[in-house]
N, C-alpha and C. Protein backbone atom coordinates (compact mmCIF):
# COMPACT_ATOMS: atom_id res chain seq x y z
N MET A 1 0.82 -1.18 0.00
CA MET A 1 0.00 0.00 0.00
C MET A 1 0.87 1.25 0.00
N ARG A 2 1.87 1.26 0.84
CA ARG A 2 2.73 2.44 0.89
C ARG A 2 3.42 2.69 -0.43
N SER A 3 3.88 1.62 -1.08
CA SER A 3 4.56 1.80 -2.36
C SER A 3 3.62 2.33 -3.43
N CYS A 4 2.33 2.06 -3.30
CA CYS A 4 1.34 2.57 -4.26
C CYS A 4 1.02 4.03 -4.00
N SER A 5 0.90 4.41 -2.75
CA SER A 5 0.43 5.75 -2.43
C SER A 5 1.54 6.78 -2.31
N HIS A 6 2.74 6.36 -1.98
CA HIS A 6 3.83 7.31 -1.75
C HIS A 6 4.11 8.21 -2.95
N PRO A 7 4.24 7.68 -4.17
CA PRO A 7 4.52 8.57 -5.29
C PRO A 7 3.41 9.60 -5.53
N LEU A 8 2.21 9.31 -5.09
CA LEU A 8 1.09 10.23 -5.28
C LEU A 8 0.93 11.17 -4.09
N THR A 9 1.75 10.97 -3.06
CA THR A 9 1.61 11.70 -1.79
C THR A 9 0.15 11.75 -1.34
N HIS A 10 -0.45 10.59 -1.34
CA HIS A 10 -1.87 10.45 -1.02
C HIS A 10 -2.03 9.25 -0.11
N HIS A 11 -3.08 9.24 0.67
CA HIS A 11 -3.26 8.18 1.66
C HIS A 11 -4.67 7.62 1.59
N ALA A 12 -4.82 6.41 2.08
CA ALA A 12 -6.13 5.74 2.09
C ALA A 12 -6.44 5.29 3.51
N ARG A 13 -7.71 5.17 3.80
CA ARG A 13 -8.13 4.52 5.05
C ARG A 13 -8.17 3.03 4.76
N VAL A 14 -7.51 2.25 5.57
CA VAL A 14 -7.42 0.81 5.36
C VAL A 14 -8.04 0.12 6.56
N GLU A 15 -8.98 -0.78 6.28
CA GLU A 15 -9.64 -1.56 7.32
C GLU A 15 -9.33 -3.03 7.07
N GLN A 16 -8.67 -3.64 8.04
CA GLN A 16 -8.32 -5.06 7.92
C GLN A 16 -9.30 -5.89 8.74
N GLN A 17 -9.80 -6.95 8.09
CA GLN A 17 -10.67 -7.91 8.75
C GLN A 17 -10.00 -9.27 8.64
N GLN A 18 -10.62 -10.27 9.20
CA GLN A 18 -10.00 -11.59 9.20
C GLN A 18 -9.72 -12.09 7.79
N ASP A 19 -10.65 -11.90 6.87
CA ASP A 19 -10.47 -12.46 5.52
C ASP A 19 -10.61 -11.41 4.42
N ALA A 20 -10.46 -10.13 4.76
CA ALA A 20 -10.61 -9.08 3.75
C ALA A 20 -9.90 -7.80 4.20
N VAL A 21 -9.56 -7.01 3.22
CA VAL A 21 -9.01 -5.67 3.46
C VAL A 21 -9.83 -4.70 2.62
N THR A 22 -10.27 -3.61 3.24
CA THR A 22 -11.06 -2.60 2.54
C THR A 22 -10.27 -1.29 2.51
N PHE A 23 -10.22 -0.68 1.33
CA PHE A 23 -9.55 0.60 1.15
C PHE A 23 -10.62 1.66 0.87
N GLU A 24 -10.54 2.77 1.58
CA GLU A 24 -11.46 3.88 1.36
C GLU A 24 -10.63 5.08 0.91
N LEU A 25 -10.93 5.57 -0.28
CA LEU A 25 -10.13 6.64 -0.87
C LEU A 25 -10.99 7.86 -1.17
N TRP A 26 -10.52 9.02 -0.78
CA TRP A 26 -11.14 10.27 -1.18
C TRP A 26 -10.17 11.39 -0.80
N THR A 27 -10.33 12.51 -1.42
CA THR A 27 -9.49 13.67 -1.13
C THR A 27 -10.19 14.49 -0.05
N HIS A 28 -9.61 14.47 1.13
CA HIS A 28 -10.23 15.11 2.29
C HIS A 28 -10.42 16.61 2.07
N SER A 29 -9.43 17.27 1.49
CA SER A 29 -9.51 18.73 1.35
C SER A 29 -10.64 19.16 0.42
N LEU A 30 -11.02 18.27 -0.52
CA LEU A 30 -12.11 18.59 -1.44
C LEU A 30 -13.40 17.87 -1.09
N ASP A 31 -13.31 16.93 -0.13
CA ASP A 31 -14.45 16.13 0.31
C ASP A 31 -15.14 15.42 -0.84
N ARG A 32 -14.31 14.83 -1.72
CA ARG A 32 -14.84 14.06 -2.84
C ARG A 32 -13.75 13.16 -3.40
N VAL A 33 -14.16 12.26 -4.28
CA VAL A 33 -13.21 11.38 -4.97
C VAL A 33 -12.65 12.15 -6.17
N THR A 34 -11.33 12.12 -6.31
CA THR A 34 -10.66 12.84 -7.40
C THR A 34 -9.95 11.86 -8.31
N ASP A 35 -9.40 12.36 -9.39
CA ASP A 35 -8.62 11.52 -10.30
C ASP A 35 -7.45 10.86 -9.58
N MET A 36 -6.86 11.55 -8.62
CA MET A 36 -5.76 10.99 -7.85
C MET A 36 -6.23 9.77 -7.06
N ASP A 37 -7.44 9.83 -6.52
CA ASP A 37 -8.00 8.69 -5.77
C ASP A 37 -8.21 7.50 -6.71
N VAL A 38 -8.71 7.78 -7.89
CA VAL A 38 -8.95 6.72 -8.87
C VAL A 38 -7.62 6.08 -9.28
N GLU A 39 -6.59 6.89 -9.48
CA GLU A 39 -5.27 6.36 -9.84
C GLU A 39 -4.71 5.51 -8.70
N LEU A 40 -4.86 5.95 -7.48
CA LEU A 40 -4.40 5.15 -6.34
C LEU A 40 -5.16 3.83 -6.28
N ALA A 41 -6.46 3.84 -6.52
CA ALA A 41 -7.24 2.61 -6.54
C ALA A 41 -6.73 1.66 -7.61
N ARG A 42 -6.39 2.18 -8.77
CA ARG A 42 -5.83 1.34 -9.85
C ARG A 42 -4.51 0.72 -9.42
N ARG A 43 -3.67 1.50 -8.76
CA ARG A 43 -2.37 0.97 -8.31
C ARG A 43 -2.56 -0.10 -7.23
N ILE A 44 -3.51 0.11 -6.35
CA ILE A 44 -3.80 -0.89 -5.32
C ILE A 44 -4.30 -2.18 -5.97
N ASP A 45 -5.24 -2.05 -6.91
CA ASP A 45 -5.76 -3.22 -7.63
C ASP A 45 -4.64 -3.97 -8.34
N ALA A 46 -3.74 -3.24 -8.98
CA ALA A 46 -2.63 -3.88 -9.70
C ALA A 46 -1.69 -4.61 -8.72
N ALA A 47 -1.43 -4.00 -7.57
CA ALA A 47 -0.56 -4.64 -6.58
C ALA A 47 -1.20 -5.91 -6.04
N ILE A 48 -2.51 -5.88 -5.80
CA ILE A 48 -3.21 -7.06 -5.30
C ILE A 48 -3.23 -8.15 -6.36
N ALA A 49 -3.47 -7.77 -7.61
CA ALA A 49 -3.47 -8.75 -8.71
C ALA A 49 -2.10 -9.40 -8.84
N ALA A 50 -1.04 -8.63 -8.65
CA ALA A 50 0.32 -9.17 -8.76
C ALA A 50 0.59 -10.19 -7.66
N LEU A 51 0.00 -10.00 -6.49
CA LEU A 51 0.18 -10.95 -5.38
C LEU A 51 -0.68 -12.19 -5.55
N GLY A 52 -1.83 -12.05 -6.16
CA GLY A 52 -2.76 -13.16 -6.25
C GLY A 52 -3.56 -13.27 -4.97
N SER A 53 -4.50 -14.15 -4.95
CA SER A 53 -5.39 -14.27 -3.79
C SER A 53 -4.73 -14.89 -2.59
N SER A 54 -3.57 -15.51 -2.75
CA SER A 54 -2.90 -16.13 -1.61
C SER A 54 -1.92 -15.19 -0.94
N GLY A 55 -1.75 -13.96 -1.47
CA GLY A 55 -0.77 -13.01 -0.95
C GLY A 55 -1.15 -12.47 0.35
């Protein structure tokens, strides 16, 4: 997660559960989802896909 968000200088709320992780992304200063949030979501998805479901 850090490697995905660091280049964007952006952060996500991460909630870990026993069998799932949830990411909540939005730009706090604008109180909405921005293109930067969407890009971070894409990077997170790509990192998870690279690990596979057993990661």
